[in-house]
Amino acid sequence: ACVAIVYDINGNQKPNEVGKDIGELNAVLGDDDCIQVGSLCFA
């Protein structure tokens, strides 16, 4: 990814597990005049 963001929605509180309170968001340069942000592709 061109930009990879990892976030924890509740700070140091448990469970600190991916899919529960830890998420990710990637932005990737696309081949067709767009930038992929998660499941979206922005011009």
Full PDB file with SEQRES, HELIX, SHEET, SSBOND, CRYST1, ORIGX, SCALE, CONECT and MASTER records, all heavy atoms in Angstrom:
SEQRES   1 A   43  ALA CYS VAL ALA ILE VAL TYR ASP ILE ASN GLY ASN GLN          
SEQRES   2 A   43  LYS PRO ASN GLU VAL GLY LYS ASP ILE GLY GLU LEU ASN          
SEQRES   3 A   43  ALA VAL LEU GLY ASP ASP ASP CYS ILE GLN VAL GLY SER          
SEQRES   4 A   43  LEU CYS PHE ALA                                              
SHEET    1 AA1 4 VAL A   3  ASP A   8  0                                        
SHEET    2 AA1 4 ILE A  22  LEU A  29 -1                                        
SHEET    3 AA1 4 ILE A  35  VAL A  37 -1                                        
SHEET    4 AA1 4 LEU A  40  PHE A  42 -1                                        
SSBOND   1 CYS A   34    CYS A   41                          1555   1555  1.70  
CRYST1    1.000    1.000    1.000  90.00  90.00  90.00 P 1           1          
ORIGX1      1.000000  0.000000  0.000000        0.00000                         
ORIGX2      0.000000  1.000000  0.000000        0.00000                         
ORIGX3      0.000000  0.000000  1.000000        0.00000                         
SCALE1      1.000000  0.000000  0.000000        0.00000                         
SCALE2      0.000000  1.000000  0.000000        0.00000                         
SCALE3      0.000000  0.000000  1.000000        0.00000                         
ATOM      1  N   ALA A   1       0.824  -1.202   0.000  1.00  0.00           N  
ATOM      2  CA  ALA A   1       0.000   0.000   0.000  1.00  0.00           C  
ATOM      3  C   ALA A   1       0.856   1.249   0.000  1.00  0.00           C  
ATOM      4  O   ALA A   1       1.949   1.271   0.542  1.00  0.00           O  
ATOM      5  CB  ALA A   1      -0.908   0.004   1.229  1.00  0.00           C  
ATOM      6  N   CYS A   2       0.336   2.307  -0.622  1.00  0.00           N  
ATOM      7  CA  CYS A   2       1.009   3.599  -0.569  1.00  0.00           C  
ATOM      8  C   CYS A   2       0.861   4.197   0.818  1.00  0.00           C  
ATOM      9  O   CYS A   2       1.750   4.852   1.306  1.00  0.00           O  
ATOM     10  CB  CYS A   2       0.416   4.543  -1.610  1.00  0.00           C  
ATOM     11  SG  CYS A   2       0.741   4.005  -3.291  1.00  0.00           S  
ATOM     12  N   VAL A   3      -0.283   3.980   1.432  1.00  0.00           N  
ATOM     13  CA  VAL A   3      -0.529   4.436   2.793  1.00  0.00           C  
ATOM     14  C   VAL A   3      -1.184   3.274   3.530  1.00  0.00           C  
ATOM     15  O   VAL A   3      -2.168   2.723   3.062  1.00  0.00           O  
ATOM     16  CB  VAL A   3      -1.480   5.662   2.833  1.00  0.00           C  
ATOM     17  CG1 VAL A   3      -1.817   6.031   4.265  1.00  0.00           C  
ATOM     18  CG2 VAL A   3      -0.888   6.839   2.101  1.00  0.00           C  
ATOM     19  N   ALA A   4      -0.620   2.882   4.652  1.00  0.00           N  
ATOM     20  CA  ALA A   4      -1.200   1.822   5.472  1.00  0.00           C  
ATOM     21  C   ALA A   4      -1.404   2.375   6.873  1.00  0.00           C  
ATOM     22  O   ALA A   4      -0.475   2.874   7.490  1.00  0.00           O  
ATOM     23  CB  ALA A   4      -0.288   0.599   5.517  1.00  0.00           C  
ATOM     24  N   ILE A   5      -2.640   2.320   7.351  1.00  0.00           N  
ATOM     25  CA  ILE A   5      -2.980   2.869   8.659  1.00  0.00           C  
ATOM     26  C   ILE A   5      -3.537   1.744   9.522  1.00  0.00           C  
ATOM     27  O   ILE A   5      -4.422   1.009   9.099  1.00  0.00           O  
ATOM     28  CB  ILE A   5      -4.022   3.994   8.519  1.00  0.00           C  
ATOM     29  CG1 ILE A   5      -3.447   5.137   7.692  1.00  0.00           C  
ATOM     30  CG2 ILE A   5      -4.478   4.475   9.888  1.00  0.00           C  
ATOM     31  CD1 ILE A   5      -4.462   6.157   7.276  1.00  0.00           C  
ATOM     32  N   VAL A   6      -3.008   1.609  10.712  1.00  0.00           N  
ATOM     33  CA  VAL A   6      -3.504   0.659  11.695  1.00  0.00           C  
ATOM     34  C   VAL A   6      -4.059   1.484  12.849  1.00  0.00           C  
ATOM     35  O   VAL A   6      -3.408   2.422  13.309  1.00  0.00           O  
ATOM     36  CB  VAL A   6      -2.372  -0.271  12.197  1.00  0.00           C  
ATOM     37  CG1 VAL A   6      -2.910  -1.228  13.249  1.00  0.00           C  
ATOM     38  CG2 VAL A   6      -1.749  -1.017  11.035  1.00  0.00           C  
ATOM     39  N   TYR A   7      -5.244   1.150  13.310  1.00  0.00           N  
ATOM     40  CA  TYR A   7      -5.829   1.932  14.391  1.00  0.00           C  
ATOM     41  C   TYR A   7      -6.466   1.017  15.432  1.00  0.00           C  
ATOM     42  O   TYR A   7      -6.906  -0.076  15.134  1.00  0.00           O  
ATOM     43  CB  TYR A   7      -6.852   2.938  13.855  1.00  0.00           C  
ATOM     44  CG  TYR A   7      -7.980   2.315  13.066  1.00  0.00           C  
ATOM     45  CD1 TYR A   7      -9.168   1.943  13.693  1.00  0.00           C  
ATOM     46  CD2 TYR A   7      -7.864   2.095  11.697  1.00  0.00           C  
ATOM     47  CE1 TYR A   7     -10.200   1.379  12.984  1.00  0.00           C  
ATOM     48  CE2 TYR A   7      -8.890   1.513  10.980  1.00  0.00           C  
ATOM     49  CZ  TYR A   7     -10.052   1.159  11.625  1.00  0.00           C  
ATOM     50  OH  TYR A   7     -11.073   0.582  10.918  1.00  0.00           O  
ATOM     51  N   ASP A   8      -6.446   1.495  16.665  1.00  0.00           N  
ATOM     52  CA  ASP A   8      -7.052   0.803  17.790  1.00  0.00           C  
ATOM     53  C   ASP A   8      -8.146   1.721  18.318  1.00  0.00           C  
ATOM     54  O   ASP A   8      -7.854   2.815  18.801  1.00  0.00           O  
ATOM     55  CB  ASP A   8      -6.001   0.522  18.870  1.00  0.00           C  
ATOM     56  CG  ASP A   8      -6.542  -0.322  20.014  1.00  0.00           C  
ATOM     57  OD1 ASP A   8      -7.764  -0.286  20.253  1.00  0.00           O  
ATOM     58  OD2 ASP A   8      -5.737  -0.994  20.675  1.00  0.00           O  
ATOM     59  N   ILE A   9      -9.401   1.301  18.204  1.00  0.00           N  
ATOM     60  CA  ILE A   9     -10.507   2.208  18.514  1.00  0.00           C  
ATOM     61  C   ILE A   9     -10.694   2.476  19.995  1.00  0.00           C  
ATOM     62  O   ILE A   9     -11.378   3.414  20.366  1.00  0.00           O  
ATOM     63  CB  ILE A   9     -11.840   1.711  17.906  1.00  0.00           C  
ATOM     64  CG1 ILE A   9     -12.236   0.359  18.486  1.00  0.00           C  
ATOM     65  CG2 ILE A   9     -11.756   1.675  16.404  1.00  0.00           C  
ATOM     66  CD1 ILE A   9     -13.636  -0.086  18.108  1.00  0.00           C  
ATOM     67  N   ASN A  10     -10.076   1.679  20.868  1.00  0.00           N  
ATOM     68  CA  ASN A  10     -10.275   1.915  22.294  1.00  0.00           C  
ATOM     69  C   ASN A  10      -8.954   2.022  23.067  1.00  0.00           C  
ATOM     70  O   ASN A  10      -8.901   1.744  24.254  1.00  0.00           O  
ATOM     71  CB  ASN A  10     -11.189   0.853  22.908  1.00  0.00           C  
ATOM     72  CG  ASN A  10     -10.600  -0.541  22.838  1.00  0.00           C  
ATOM     73  OD1 ASN A  10      -9.539  -0.732  22.265  1.00  0.00           O  
ATOM     74  ND2 ASN A  10     -11.292  -1.505  23.409  1.00  0.00           N  
ATOM     75  N   GLY A  11      -7.893   2.413  22.401  1.00  0.00           N  
ATOM     76  CA  GLY A  11      -6.618   2.646  23.071  1.00  0.00           C  
ATOM     77  C   GLY A  11      -6.044   1.390  23.688  1.00  0.00           C  
ATOM     78  O   GLY A  11      -6.027   0.336  23.064  1.00  0.00           O  
ATOM     79  N   ASN A  12      -5.570   1.485  24.915  1.00  0.00           N  
ATOM     80  CA  ASN A  12      -4.918   0.354  25.574  1.00  0.00           C  
ATOM     81  C   ASN A  12      -5.885  -0.664  26.164  1.00  0.00           C  
ATOM     82  O   ASN A  12      -5.463  -1.678  26.701  1.00  0.00           O  
ATOM     83  CB  ASN A  12      -3.979   0.860  26.673  1.00  0.00           C  
ATOM     84  CG  ASN A  12      -2.774   1.559  26.092  1.00  0.00           C  
ATOM     85  OD1 ASN A  12      -2.325   1.228  25.003  1.00  0.00           O  
ATOM     86  ND2 ASN A  12      -2.265   2.544  26.809  1.00  0.00           N  
ATOM     87  N   GLN A  13      -7.179  -0.371  26.074  1.00  0.00           N  
ATOM     88  CA  GLN A  13      -8.148  -1.324  26.615  1.00  0.00           C  
ATOM     89  C   GLN A  13      -8.145  -2.612  25.795  1.00  0.00           C  
ATOM     90  O   GLN A  13      -7.885  -2.605  24.607  1.00  0.00           O  
ATOM     91  CB  GLN A  13      -9.547  -0.714  26.605  1.00  0.00           C  
ATOM     92  CG  GLN A  13      -9.683   0.491  27.519  1.00  0.00           C  
ATOM     93  CD  GLN A  13     -11.068   1.108  27.409  1.00  0.00           C  
ATOM     94  OE1 GLN A  13     -11.980   0.535  26.842  1.00  0.00           O  
ATOM     95  NE2 GLN A  13     -11.211   2.299  27.959  1.00  0.00           N  
ATOM     96  N   LYS A  14      -8.426  -3.709  26.417  1.00  0.00           N  
ATOM     97  CA  LYS A  14      -8.470  -5.010  25.752  1.00  0.00           C  
ATOM     98  C   LYS A  14      -9.714  -5.083  24.880  1.00  0.00           C  
ATOM     99  O   LYS A  14     -10.621  -4.298  25.060  1.00  0.00           O  
ATOM    100  CB  LYS A  14      -8.474  -6.113  26.811  1.00  0.00           C  
ATOM    101  CG  LYS A  14      -7.238  -6.036  27.691  1.00  0.00           C  
ATOM    102  CD  LYS A  14      -6.494  -7.325  27.664  1.00  0.00           C  
ATOM    103  CE  LYS A  14      -5.314  -7.282  28.593  1.00  0.00           C  
ATOM    104  NZ  LYS A  14      -4.065  -7.111  27.998  1.00  0.00           N  
ATOM    105  N   PRO A  15      -9.815  -5.914  23.876  1.00  0.00           N  
ATOM    106  CA  PRO A  15      -9.005  -7.102  23.714  1.00  0.00           C  
ATOM    107  C   PRO A  15      -7.749  -6.891  22.862  1.00  0.00           C  
ATOM    108  O   PRO A  15      -6.907  -7.769  22.789  1.00  0.00           O  
ATOM    109  CB  PRO A  15      -9.942  -8.081  23.021  1.00  0.00           C  
ATOM    110  CG  PRO A  15     -10.823  -7.225  22.184  1.00  0.00           C  
ATOM    111  CD  PRO A  15     -10.994  -5.953  22.982  1.00  0.00           C  
ATOM    112  N   ASN A  16      -7.615  -5.747  22.178  1.00  0.00           N  
ATOM    113  CA  ASN A  16      -6.460  -5.489  21.320  1.00  0.00           C  
ATOM    114  C   ASN A  16      -6.268  -6.615  20.307  1.00  0.00           C  
ATOM    115  O   ASN A  16      -5.193  -7.191  20.179  1.00  0.00           O  
ATOM    116  CB  ASN A  16      -5.182  -5.270  22.146  1.00  0.00           C  
ATOM    117  CG  ASN A  16      -5.249  -3.978  22.929  1.00  0.00           C  
ATOM    118  OD1 ASN A  16      -5.863  -3.012  22.487  1.00  0.00           O  
ATOM    119  ND2 ASN A  16      -4.643  -3.955  24.092  1.00  0.00           N  
ATOM    120  N   GLU A  17      -7.354  -6.908  19.563  1.00  0.00           N  
ATOM    121  CA  GLU A  17      -7.322  -7.960  18.558  1.00  0.00           C  
ATOM    122  C   GLU A  17      -7.846  -7.427  17.235  1.00  0.00           C  
ATOM    123  O   GLU A  17      -8.814  -6.666  17.197  1.00  0.00           O  
ATOM    124  CB  GLU A  17      -8.167  -9.150  18.992  1.00  0.00           C  
ATOM    125  CG  GLU A  17      -7.603  -9.910  20.174  1.00  0.00           C  
ATOM    126  CD  GLU A  17      -8.465 -11.106  20.555  1.00  0.00           C  
ATOM    127  OE1 GLU A  17      -9.180 -11.644  19.679  1.00  0.00           O  
ATOM    128  OE2 GLU A  17      -8.422 -11.490  21.738  1.00  0.00           O  
ATOM    129  N   VAL A  18      -7.185  -7.853  16.170  1.00  0.00           N  
ATOM    130  CA  VAL A  18      -7.598  -7.478  14.828  1.00  0.00           C  
ATOM    131  C   VAL A  18      -9.023  -7.962  14.594  1.00  0.00           C  
ATOM    132  O   VAL A  18      -9.368  -9.091  14.930  1.00  0.00           O  
ATOM    133  CB  VAL A  18      -6.638  -8.081  13.782  1.00  0.00           C  
ATOM    134  CG1 VAL A  18      -7.141  -7.801  12.379  1.00  0.00           C  
ATOM    135  CG2 VAL A  18      -5.240  -7.519  13.974  1.00  0.00           C  
ATOM    136  N   GLY A  19      -9.840  -7.085  14.052  1.00  0.00           N  
ATOM    137  CA  GLY A  19     -11.228  -7.432  13.768  1.00  0.00           C  
ATOM    138  C   GLY A  19     -12.169  -7.135  14.911  1.00  0.00           C  
ATOM    139  O   GLY A  19     -13.373  -7.137  14.740  1.00  0.00           O  
ATOM    140  N   LYS A  20     -11.630  -6.904  16.095  1.00  0.00           N  
ATOM    141  CA  LYS A  20     -12.469  -6.556  17.241  1.00  0.00           C  
ATOM    142  C   LYS A  20     -12.302  -5.082  17.569  1.00  0.00           C  
ATOM    143  O   LYS A  20     -13.247  -4.316  17.477  1.00  0.00           O  
ATOM    144  CB  LYS A  20     -12.146  -7.442  18.441  1.00  0.00           C  
ATOM    145  CG  LYS A  20     -12.567  -8.880  18.212  1.00  0.00           C  
ATOM    146  CD  LYS A  20     -12.394  -9.727  19.435  1.00  0.00           C  
ATOM    147  CE  LYS A  20     -12.882 -11.151  19.141  1.00  0.00           C  
ATOM    148  NZ  LYS A  20     -12.679 -12.022  20.284  1.00  0.00           N  
ATOM    149  N   ASP A  21     -11.106  -4.661  17.958  1.00  0.00           N  
ATOM    150  CA  ASP A  21     -10.870  -3.247  18.239  1.00  0.00           C  
ATOM    151  C   ASP A  21      -9.657  -2.694  17.489  1.00  0.00           C  
ATOM    152  O   ASP A  21      -9.334  -1.528  17.624  1.00  0.00           O  
ATOM    153  CB  ASP A  21     -10.740  -2.989  19.745  1.00  0.00           C  
ATOM    154  CG  ASP A  21      -9.525  -3.653  20.363  1.00  0.00           C  
ATOM    155  OD1 ASP A  21      -9.011  -4.623  19.785  1.00  0.00           O  
ATOM    156  OD2 ASP A  21      -9.097  -3.204  21.434  1.00  0.00           O  
ATOM    157  N   ILE A  22      -9.010  -3.512  16.693  1.00  0.00           N  
ATOM    158  CA  ILE A  22      -7.901  -3.059  15.858  1.00  0.00           C  
ATOM    159  C   ILE A  22      -8.314  -3.227  14.408  1.00  0.00           C  
ATOM    160  O   ILE A  22      -8.788  -4.288  14.003  1.00  0.00           O  
ATOM    161  CB  ILE A  22      -6.605  -3.853  16.143  1.00  0.00           C  
ATOM    162  CG1 ILE A  22      -6.132  -3.579  17.575  1.00  0.00           C  
ATOM    163  CG2 ILE A  22      -5.516  -3.469  15.140  1.00  0.00           C  
ATOM    164  CD1 ILE A  22      -4.908  -4.366  17.985  1.00  0.00           C  
ATOM    165  N   GLY A  23      -8.157  -2.163  13.631  1.00  0.00           N  
ATOM    166  CA  GLY A  23      -8.514  -2.205  12.221  1.00  0.00           C  
ATOM    167  C   GLY A  23      -7.395  -1.683  11.361  1.00  0.00           C  
ATOM    168  O   GLY A  23      -6.388  -1.180  11.849  1.00  0.00           O  
ATOM    169  N   GLU A  24      -7.580  -1.795  10.064  1.00  0.00           N  
ATOM    170  CA  GLU A  24      -6.591  -1.305   9.123  1.00  0.00           C  
ATOM    171  C   GLU A  24      -7.281  -0.605   7.967  1.00  0.00           C  
ATOM    172  O   GLU A  24      -8.446  -0.881   7.659  1.00  0.00           O  
ATOM    173  CB  GLU A  24      -5.725  -2.446   8.590  1.00  0.00           C  
ATOM    174  CG  GLU A  24      -6.480  -3.426   7.711  1.00  0.00           C  
ATOM    175  CD  GLU A  24      -5.595  -4.506   7.134  1.00  0.00           C  
ATOM    176  OE1 GLU A  24      -4.472  -4.193   6.701  1.00  0.00           O  
ATOM    177  OE2 GLU A  24      -6.026  -5.658   7.119  1.00  0.00           O  
ATOM    178  N   LEU A  25      -6.572   0.306   7.354  1.00  0.00           N  
ATOM    179  CA  LEU A  25      -7.053   0.991   6.168  1.00  0.00           C  
ATOM    180  C   LEU A  25      -5.865   1.192   5.261  1.00  0.00           C  
ATOM    181  O   LEU A  25      -4.856   1.776   5.674  1.00  0.00           O  
ATOM    182  CB  LEU A  25      -7.686   2.338   6.539  1.00  0.00           C  
ATOM    183  CG  LEU A  25      -8.254   3.154   5.390  1.00  0.00           C  
ATOM    184  CD1 LEU A  25      -9.411   2.399   4.726  1.00  0.00           C  
ATOM    185  CD2 LEU A  25      -8.733   4.496   5.884  1.00  0.00           C  
ATOM    186  N   ASN A  26      -5.938   0.666   4.052  1.00  0.00           N  
ATOM    187  CA  ASN A  26      -4.856   0.802   3.084  1.00  0.00           C  
ATOM    188  C   ASN A  26      -5.315   1.644   1.914  1.00  0.00           C  
ATOM    189  O   ASN A  26      -6.451   1.529   1.471  1.00  0.00           O  
ATOM    190  CB  ASN A  26      -4.431  -0.570   2.558  1.00  0.00           C  
ATOM    191  CG  ASN A  26      -3.784  -1.417   3.627  1.00  0.00           C  
ATOM    192  OD1 ASN A  26      -2.910  -0.938   4.330  1.00  0.00           O  
ATOM    193  ND2 ASN A  26      -4.213  -2.659   3.764  1.00  0.00           N  
ATOM    194  N   ALA A  27      -4.439   2.479   1.411  1.00  0.00           N  
ATOM    195  CA  ALA A  27      -4.699   3.240   0.191  1.00  0.00           C  
ATOM    196  C   ALA A  27      -3.639   2.832  -0.815  1.00  0.00           C  
ATOM    197  O   ALA A  27      -2.440   2.918  -0.540  1.00  0.00           O  
ATOM    198  CB  ALA A  27      -4.637   4.735   0.456  1.00  0.00           C  
ATOM    199  N   VAL A  28      -4.081   2.361  -1.973  1.00  0.00           N  
ATOM    200  CA  VAL A  28      -3.175   1.855  -2.989  1.00  0.00           C  
ATOM    201  C   VAL A  28      -3.440   2.584  -4.293  1.00  0.00           C  
ATOM    202  O   VAL A  28      -4.589   2.789  -4.677  1.00  0.00           O  
ATOM    203  CB  VAL A  28      -3.402   0.329  -3.200  1.00  0.00           C  
ATOM    204  CG1 VAL A  28      -2.455  -0.224  -4.246  1.00  0.00           C  
ATOM    205  CG2 VAL A  28      -3.262  -0.426  -1.891  1.00  0.00           C  
ATOM    206  N   LEU A  29      -2.376   2.970  -4.983  1.00  0.00           N  
ATOM    207  CA  LEU A  29      -2.544   3.555  -6.301  1.00  0.00           C  
ATOM    208  C   LEU A  29      -3.098   2.507  -7.241  1.00  0.00           C  
ATOM    209  O   LEU A  29      -2.542   1.416  -7.359  1.00  0.00           O  
ATOM    210  CB  LEU A  29      -1.213   4.083  -6.840  1.00  0.00           C  
ATOM    211  CG  LEU A  29      -0.663   5.299  -6.123  1.00  0.00           C  
ATOM    212  CD1 LEU A  29       0.726   5.638  -6.658  1.00  0.00           C  
ATOM    213  CD2 LEU A  29      -1.589   6.482  -6.278  1.00  0.00           C  
ATOM    214  N   GLY A  30      -4.203   2.812  -7.889  1.00  0.00           N  
ATOM    215  CA  GLY A  30      -4.822   1.874  -8.812  1.00  0.00           C  
ATOM    216  C   GLY A  30      -4.295   2.052 -10.224  1.00  0.00           C  
ATOM    217  O   GLY A  30      -3.628   3.039 -10.542  1.00  0.00           O  
ATOM    218  N   ASP A  31      -4.600   1.098 -11.075  1.00  0.00           N  
ATOM    219  CA  ASP A  31      -4.144   1.148 -12.449  1.00  0.00           C  
ATOM    220  C   ASP A  31      -5.063   1.985 -13.334  1.00  0.00           C  
ATOM    221  O   ASP A  31      -4.698   2.337 -14.435  1.00  0.00           O  
ATOM    222  CB  ASP A  31      -4.073  -0.272 -13.030  1.00  0.00           C  
ATOM    223  CG  ASP A  31      -3.009  -1.102 -12.344  1.00  0.00           C  
ATOM    224  OD1 ASP A  31      -2.037  -0.514 -11.822  1.00  0.00           O  
ATOM    225  OD2 ASP A  31      -3.150  -2.331 -12.333  1.00  0.00           O  
ATOM    226  N   ASP A  32      -6.257   2.290 -12.877  1.00  0.00           N  
ATOM    227  CA  ASP A  32      -7.243   2.935 -13.745  1.00  0.00           C  
ATOM    228  C   ASP A  32      -7.650   4.328 -13.244  1.00  0.00           C  
ATOM    229  O   ASP A  32      -8.821   4.616 -13.076  1.00  0.00           O  
ATOM    230  CB  ASP A  32      -8.466   2.042 -13.903  1.00  0.00           C  
ATOM    231  CG  ASP A  32      -9.100   1.687 -12.571  1.00  0.00           C  
ATOM    232  OD1 ASP A  32      -8.523   1.995 -11.525  1.00  0.00           O  
ATOM    233  OD2 ASP A  32     -10.200   1.109 -12.603  1.00  0.00           O  
ATOM    234  N   ASP A  33      -6.671   5.176 -13.050  1.00  0.00           N  
ATOM    235  CA  ASP A  33      -6.921   6.560 -12.657  1.00  0.00           C  
ATOM    236  C   ASP A  33      -7.653   6.687 -11.328  1.00  0.00           C  
ATOM    237  O   ASP A  33      -8.441   7.604 -11.139  1.00  0.00           O  
ATOM    238  CB  ASP A  33      -7.699   7.315 -13.738  1.00  0.00           C  
ATOM    239  CG  ASP A  33      -6.886   7.470 -15.011  1.00  0.00           C  
ATOM    240  OD1 ASP A  33      -5.644   7.542 -14.898  1.00  0.00           O  
ATOM    241  OD2 ASP A  33      -7.471   7.521 -16.092  1.00  0.00           O  
ATOM    242  N   CYS A  34      -7.421   5.759 -10.402  1.00  0.00           N  
ATOM    243  CA  CYS A  34      -8.039   5.887  -9.098  1.00  0.00           C  
ATOM    244  C   CYS A  34      -7.084   5.440  -8.008  1.00  0.00           C  
ATOM    245  O   CYS A  34      -6.074   4.800  -8.271  1.00  0.00           O  
ATOM    246  CB  CYS A  34      -9.353   5.113  -9.030  1.00  0.00           C  
ATOM    247  SG  CYS A  34      -9.191   3.335  -8.972  1.00  0.00           S  
ATOM    248  N   ILE A  35      -7.423   5.818  -6.799  1.00  0.00           N  
ATOM    249  CA  ILE A  35      -6.663   5.443  -5.621  1.00  0.00           C  
ATOM    250  C   ILE A  35      -7.574   4.602  -4.747  1.00  0.00           C  
ATOM    251  O   ILE A  35      -8.652   5.048  -4.352  1.00  0.00           O  
ATOM    252  CB  ILE A  35      -6.151   6.690  -4.870  1.00  0.00           C  
ATOM    253  CG1 ILE A  35      -5.171   7.452  -5.768  1.00  0.00           C  
ATOM    254  CG2 ILE A  35      -5.509   6.305  -3.548  1.00  0.00           C  
ATOM    255  CD1 ILE A  35      -4.743   8.788  -5.223  1.00  0.00           C  
ATOM    256  N   GLN A  36      -7.151   3.376  -4.497  1.00  0.00           N  
ATOM    257  CA  GLN A  36      -7.937   2.440  -3.709  1.00  0.00           C  
ATOM    258  C   GLN A  36      -7.820   2.800  -2.233  1.00  0.00           C  
ATOM    259  O   GLN A  36      -6.730   2.897  -1.692  1.00  0.00           O  
ATOM    260  CB  GLN A  36      -7.425   1.019  -3.931  1.00  0.00           C  
ATOM    261  CG  GLN A  36      -8.301  -0.050  -3.357  1.00  0.00           C  
ATOM    262  CD  GLN A  36      -9.544  -0.322  -4.188  1.00  0.00           C  
ATOM    263  OE1 GLN A  36      -9.506  -0.194  -5.403  1.00  0.00           O  
ATOM    264  NE2 GLN A  36     -10.620  -0.691  -3.547  1.00  0.00           N  
ATOM    265  N   VAL A  37      -8.952   3.041  -1.580  1.00  0.00           N  
ATOM    266  CA  VAL A  37      -9.014   3.331  -0.151  1.00  0.00           C  
ATOM    267  C   VAL A  37      -9.996   2.334   0.454  1.00  0.00           C  
ATOM    268  O   VAL A  37     -11.202   2.470   0.273  1.00  0.00           O  
ATOM    269  CB  VAL A  37      -9.474   4.779   0.127  1.00  0.00           C  
ATOM    270  CG1 VAL A  37      -9.553   5.035   1.615  1.00  0.00           C  
ATOM    271  CG2 VAL A  37      -8.554   5.781  -0.552  1.00  0.00           C  
ATOM    272  N   GLY A  38      -9.472   1.316   1.112  1.00  0.00           N  
ATOM    273  CA  GLY A  38     -10.339   0.244   1.585  1.00  0.00           C  
ATOM    274  C   GLY A  38     -11.000  -0.413   0.393  1.00  0.00           C  
ATOM    275  O   GLY A  38     -10.336  -0.780  -0.570  1.00  0.00           O  
ATOM    276  N   SER A  39     -12.317  -0.513   0.407  1.00  0.00           N  
ATOM    277  CA  SER A  39     -13.035  -1.130  -0.713  1.00  0.00           C  
ATOM    278  C   SER A  39     -13.454  -0.109  -1.766  1.00  0.00           C  
ATOM    279  O   SER A  39     -14.033  -0.470  -2.781  1.00  0.00           O  
ATOM    280  CB  SER A  39     -14.273  -1.857  -0.194  1.00  0.00           C  
ATOM    281  OG  SER A  39     -15.163  -0.922   0.410  1.00  0.00           O  
ATOM    282  N   LEU A  40     -13.153   1.169  -1.543  1.00  0.00           N  
ATOM    283  CA  LEU A  40     -13.532   2.225  -2.473  1.00  0.00           C  
ATOM    284  C   LEU A  40     -12.367   2.600  -3.375  1.00  0.00           C  
ATOM    285  O   LEU A  40     -11.210   2.476  -2.995  1.00  0.00           O  
ATOM    286  CB  LEU A  40     -13.962   3.476  -1.703  1.00  0.00           C  
ATOM    287  CG  LEU A  40     -15.126   3.312  -0.747  1.00  0.00           C  
ATOM    288  CD1 LEU A  40     -15.298   4.576   0.078  1.00  0.00           C  
ATOM    289  CD2 LEU A  40     -16.395   2.992  -1.505  1.00  0.00           C  
ATOM    290  N   CYS A  41     -12.686   3.108  -4.550  1.00  0.00           N  
ATOM    291  CA  CYS A  41     -11.664   3.598  -5.458  1.00  0.00           C  
ATOM    292  C   CYS A  41     -12.018   5.040  -5.807  1.00  0.00           C  
ATOM    293  O   CYS A  41     -13.022   5.297  -6.479  1.00  0.00           O  
ATOM    294  CB  CYS A  41     -11.608   2.729  -6.699  1.00  0.00           C  
ATOM    295  SG  CYS A  41     -10.054   2.878  -7.583  1.00  0.00           S  
ATOM    296  N   PHE A  42     -11.224   5.998  -5.311  1.00  0.00           N  
ATOM    297  CA  PHE A  42     -11.460   7.418  -5.567  1.00  0.00           C  
ATOM    298  C   PHE A  42     -10.693   7.859  -6.811  1.00  0.00           C  
ATOM    299  O   PHE A  42      -9.532   7.481  -6.986  1.00  0.00           O  
ATOM    300  CB  PHE A  42     -10.993   8.269  -4.385  1.00  0.00           C  
ATOM    301  CG  PHE A  42     -11.929   8.246  -3.217  1.00  0.00           C  
ATOM    302  CD1 PHE A  42     -11.817   7.273  -2.240  1.00  0.00           C  
ATOM    303  CD2 PHE A  42     -12.934   9.196  -3.099  1.00  0.00           C  
ATOM    304  CE1 PHE A  42     -12.678   7.241  -1.159  1.00  0.00           C  
ATOM    305  CE2 PHE A  42     -13.804   9.173  -2.017  1.00  0.00           C  
ATOM    306  CZ  PHE A  42     -13.676   8.190  -1.052  1.00  0.00           C  
ATOM    307  N   ALA A  43     -11.333   8.655  -7.638  1.00  0.00           N  
ATOM    308  CA  ALA A  43     -10.648   9.211  -8.813  1.00  0.00           C  
ATOM    309  C   ALA A  43      -9.428   9.998  -8.355  1.00  0.00           C  
ATOM    310  O   ALA A  43      -9.448  10.646  -7.314  1.00  0.00           O  
ATOM    311  CB  ALA A  43     -11.601  10.100  -9.596  1.00  0.00           C  
TER     312      ALA A  43                                                      
CONECT  247  295                                                                
CONECT  295  247                                                                
MASTER        0    0    0    0    4    0    0    6  311    1    2    4          
END                                                                             
